[in-house]
């Protein structure tokens, strides 16, 4: 019986737990590299972040929220990325993650196994 408990203990310590959750990302491409167009892209980013928080209140599927609101920014939503291209899209791009709470850490919590660390 002890042998089975020790084996179960070893197996449990070898497994890792990933507590992070995947959030949708955004990319905003400015029309050109002019300062006015870059400022407009940052204004769009600020407005998008504020709107995303409003859109997702009380909603469980955050990807569906992004897909439903693509027409408000003339955006596309594909593979978890909310893409906004302003003008010709020849300028700099702004990228980030759409979060509901920006006060929390963006670091993923990963449980490390002391048993596996002995062999690495």
C-alpha atoms as a PDB file:
ATOM      1  CA  UNK A   1       0.000   0.000   0.000  1.00  0.00           C
ATOM      2  CA  UNK A   2       2.851   2.388   0.801  1.00  0.00           C
ATOM      3  CA  UNK A   3       4.330   1.692  -2.594  1.00  0.00           C
ATOM      4  CA  UNK A   4       1.139   2.925  -4.312  1.00  0.00           C
ATOM      5  CA  UNK A   5       0.985   6.032  -2.169  1.00  0.00           C
ATOM      6  CA  UNK A   6       4.604   6.895  -2.951  1.00  0.00           C
ATOM      7  CA  UNK A   7       4.021   6.333  -6.684  1.00  0.00           C
ATOM      8  CA  UNK A   8       0.897   8.524  -6.612  1.00  0.00           C
ATOM      9  CA  UNK A   9       2.812  11.210  -4.727  1.00  0.00           C
ATOM     10  CA  UNK A  10       5.604  11.177  -7.312  1.00  0.00           C
ATOM     11  CA  UNK A  11       3.160  11.348 -10.215  1.00  0.00           C
ATOM     12  CA  UNK A  12       1.249  14.227  -8.619  1.00  0.00           C
ATOM     13  CA  UNK A  13       4.466  16.191  -8.161  1.00  0.00           C
ATOM     14  CA  UNK A  14       5.484  15.606 -11.767  1.00  0.00           C
ATOM     15  CA  UNK A  15       2.317  17.221 -13.094  1.00  0.00           C
ATOM     16  CA  UNK A  16       2.290  20.970 -13.560  1.00  0.00           C
ATOM     17  CA  UNK A  17      -0.697  23.228 -13.197  1.00  0.00           C
ATOM     18  CA  UNK A  18      -1.164  26.200 -15.480  1.00  0.00           C
ATOM     19  CA  UNK A  19      -3.512  28.654 -13.780  1.00  0.00           C
ATOM     20  CA  UNK A  20      -3.318  31.345 -16.452  1.00  0.00           C
ATOM     21  CA  UNK A  21      -6.208  31.925 -18.775  1.00  0.00           C
ATOM     22  CA  UNK A  22      -6.040  32.929 -22.382  1.00  0.00           C
ATOM     23  CA  UNK A  23      -7.408  36.392 -23.107  1.00  0.00           C
ATOM     24  CA  UNK A  24      -8.130  37.894 -26.511  1.00  0.00           C
ATOM     25  CA  UNK A  25      -5.391  40.109 -27.931  1.00  0.00           C
ATOM     26  CA  UNK A  26      -5.599  43.270 -29.996  1.00  0.00           C
ATOM     27  CA  UNK A  27      -3.477  44.790 -32.739  1.00  0.00           C
ATOM     28  CA  UNK A  28      -3.994  48.307 -34.027  1.00  0.00           C
ATOM     29  CA  UNK A  29      -2.096  49.316 -37.162  1.00  0.00           C
ATOM     30  CA  UNK A  30      -1.760  53.065 -37.764  1.00  0.00           C
ATOM     31  CA  UNK A  31      -2.396  54.573 -41.183  1.00  0.00           C
ATOM     32  CA  UNK A  32       1.176  55.898 -41.470  1.00  0.00           C
ATOM     33  CA  UNK A  33       4.194  56.739 -39.349  1.00  0.00           C
ATOM     34  CA  UNK A  34       3.116  60.369 -38.907  1.00  0.00           C
ATOM     35  CA  UNK A  35       2.732  61.458 -35.294  1.00  0.00           C
ATOM     36  CA  UNK A  36      -0.931  62.377 -35.873  1.00  0.00           C
ATOM     37  CA  UNK A  37      -1.767  58.889 -37.105  1.00  0.00           C
ATOM     38  CA  UNK A  38       0.139  57.260 -34.247  1.00  0.00           C
ATOM     39  CA  UNK A  39      -1.730  59.457 -31.740  1.00  0.00           C
ATOM     40  CA  UNK A  40      -5.008  58.423 -33.381  1.00  0.00           C
ATOM     41  CA  UNK A  41      -4.019  54.761 -32.985  1.00  0.00           C
ATOM     42  CA  UNK A  42      -3.339  55.274 -29.266  1.00  0.00           C
ATOM     43  CA  UNK A  43      -6.684  57.051 -28.856  1.00  0.00           C
ATOM     44  CA  UNK A  44      -8.361  54.103 -30.552  1.00  0.00           C
ATOM     45  CA  UNK A  45      -6.530  51.741 -28.185  1.00  0.00           C
ATOM     46  CA  UNK A  46      -7.737  53.634 -25.116  1.00  0.00           C
ATOM     47  CA  UNK A  47     -11.303  53.673 -26.405  1.00  0.00           C
ATOM     48  CA  UNK A  48     -11.146  49.954 -27.282  1.00  0.00           C
ATOM     49  CA  UNK A  49      -9.963  49.010 -23.797  1.00  0.00           C
ATOM     50  CA  UNK A  50     -12.763  51.035 -22.199  1.00  0.00           C
ATOM     51  CA  UNK A  51     -15.366  49.565 -24.564  1.00  0.00           C
ATOM     52  CA  UNK A  52     -14.134  46.007 -24.009  1.00  0.00           C
ATOM     53  CA  UNK A  53     -14.703  46.309 -20.276  1.00  0.00           C
ATOM     54  CA  UNK A  54     -18.246  47.558 -20.921  1.00  0.00           C
ATOM     55  CA  UNK A  55     -18.981  44.892 -23.517  1.00  0.00           C
ATOM     56  CA  UNK A  56     -17.866  41.995 -21.367  1.00  0.00           C
ATOM     57  CA  UNK A  57     -19.756  42.779 -18.156  1.00  0.00           C
ATOM     58  CA  UNK A  58     -21.686  39.664 -17.212  1.00  0.00           C
ATOM     59  CA  UNK A  59     -20.542  37.677 -20.256  1.00  0.00           C
ATOM     60  CA  UNK A  60     -18.737  34.345 -19.994  1.00  0.00           C
ATOM     61  CA  UNK A  61     -17.460  33.935 -23.574  1.00  0.00           C
ATOM     62  CA  UNK A  62     -15.025  36.811 -24.109  1.00  0.00           C
ATOM     63  CA  UNK A  63     -14.111  35.674 -27.607  1.00  0.00           C
ATOM     64  CA  UNK A  64     -17.743  35.956 -28.675  1.00  0.00           C
ATOM     65  CA  UNK A  65     -17.842  39.512 -27.287  1.00  0.00           C
ATOM     66  CA  UNK A  66     -14.980  40.483 -29.587  1.00  0.00           C
ATOM     67  CA  UNK A  67     -16.550  38.736 -32.568  1.00  0.00           C
ATOM     68  CA  UNK A  68     -19.871  40.513 -32.006  1.00  0.00           C
ATOM     69  CA  UNK A  69     -18.332  43.992 -31.890  1.00  0.00           C
ATOM     70  CA  UNK A  70     -16.078  43.989 -34.958  1.00  0.00           C
ATOM     71  CA  UNK A  71     -18.271  46.442 -36.859  1.00  0.00           C
ATOM     72  CA  UNK A  72     -17.791  49.212 -34.270  1.00  0.00           C
ATOM     73  CA  UNK A  73     -14.101  49.654 -35.145  1.00  0.00           C
ATOM     74  CA  UNK A  74     -14.113  48.236 -38.702  1.00  0.00           C
ATOM     75  CA  UNK A  75     -12.052  45.422 -37.262  1.00  0.00           C
ATOM     76  CA  UNK A  76     -11.649  41.730 -37.829  1.00  0.00           C
ATOM     77  CA  UNK A  77     -11.499  39.029 -35.194  1.00  0.00           C
ATOM     78  CA  UNK A  78      -9.647  35.879 -36.102  1.00  0.00           C
ATOM     79  CA  UNK A  79      -7.854  33.301 -33.978  1.00  0.00           C
ATOM     80  CA  UNK A  80      -8.252  35.305 -30.758  1.00  0.00           C
ATOM     81  CA  UNK A  81      -6.879  38.555 -32.205  1.00  0.00           C
ATOM     82  CA  UNK A  82      -8.918  41.737 -32.602  1.00  0.00           C
ATOM     83  CA  UNK A  83      -7.284  43.508 -35.571  1.00  0.00           C
ATOM     84  CA  UNK A  84      -7.941  47.168 -36.377  1.00  0.00           C
ATOM     85  CA  UNK A  85      -6.291  48.603 -39.495  1.00  0.00           C
ATOM     86  CA  UNK A  86      -6.558  52.364 -39.852  1.00  0.00           C
ATOM     87  CA  UNK A  87      -6.305  53.847 -43.320  1.00  0.00           C
ATOM     88  CA  UNK A  88      -3.784  51.985 -45.498  1.00  0.00           C
ATOM     89  CA  UNK A  89      -2.202  50.289 -42.488  1.00  0.00           C
ATOM     90  CA  UNK A  90       1.350  51.312 -43.374  1.00  0.00           C
ATOM     91  CA  UNK A  91       2.267  52.651 -39.926  1.00  0.00           C
ATOM     92  CA  UNK A  92       3.346  51.301 -36.598  1.00  0.00           C
ATOM     93  CA  UNK A  93       1.316  48.701 -34.761  1.00  0.00           C
ATOM     94  CA  UNK A  94       0.162  48.593 -31.160  1.00  0.00           C
ATOM     95  CA  UNK A  95      -0.358  45.180 -29.602  1.00  0.00           C
ATOM     96  CA  UNK A  96      -1.636  44.013 -26.264  1.00  0.00           C
ATOM     97  CA  UNK A  97      -4.024  41.798 -24.370  1.00  0.00           C
ATOM     98  CA  UNK A  98      -7.646  42.620 -23.711  1.00  0.00           C
ATOM     99  CA  UNK A  99      -8.037  42.268 -19.949  1.00  0.00           C
ATOM    100  CA  UNK A 100     -10.960  42.915 -17.667  1.00  0.00           C
ATOM    101  CA  UNK A 101      -8.767  43.795 -14.700  1.00  0.00           C
ATOM    102  CA  UNK A 102      -5.475  45.501 -15.460  1.00  0.00           C
ATOM    103  CA  UNK A 103      -4.482  45.600 -11.784  1.00  0.00           C
ATOM    104  CA  UNK A 104      -3.807  41.885 -11.649  1.00  0.00           C
ATOM    105  CA  UNK A 105      -0.500  40.427 -12.715  1.00  0.00           C
ATOM    106  CA  UNK A 106      -0.079  39.230 -16.268  1.00  0.00           C
ATOM    107  CA  UNK A 107       2.310  36.503 -15.132  1.00  0.00           C
ATOM    108  CA  UNK A 108       1.019  32.960 -15.450  1.00  0.00           C
ATOM    109  CA  UNK A 109       1.060  30.934 -12.266  1.00  0.00           C
ATOM    110  CA  UNK A 110       2.865  27.671 -12.841  1.00  0.00           C
ATOM    111  CA  UNK A 111       3.302  25.104 -10.082  1.00  0.00           C
ATOM    112  CA  UNK A 112       6.842  23.822 -10.090  1.00  0.00           C
ATOM    113  CA  UNK A 113       7.654  20.314  -9.031  1.00  0.00           C
ATOM    114  CA  UNK A 114      10.556  19.890  -6.672  1.00  0.00           C
ATOM    115  CA  UNK A 115      10.945  16.343  -7.901  1.00  0.00           C
ATOM    116  CA  UNK A 116      11.446  17.402 -11.529  1.00  0.00           C
ATOM    117  CA  UNK A 117      13.800  20.185 -10.478  1.00  0.00           C
ATOM    118  CA  UNK A 118      16.166  17.534  -9.118  1.00  0.00           C
ATOM    119  CA  UNK A 119      16.726  16.242 -12.661  1.00  0.00           C
ATOM    120  CA  UNK A 120      17.047  19.551 -14.472  1.00  0.00           C
END
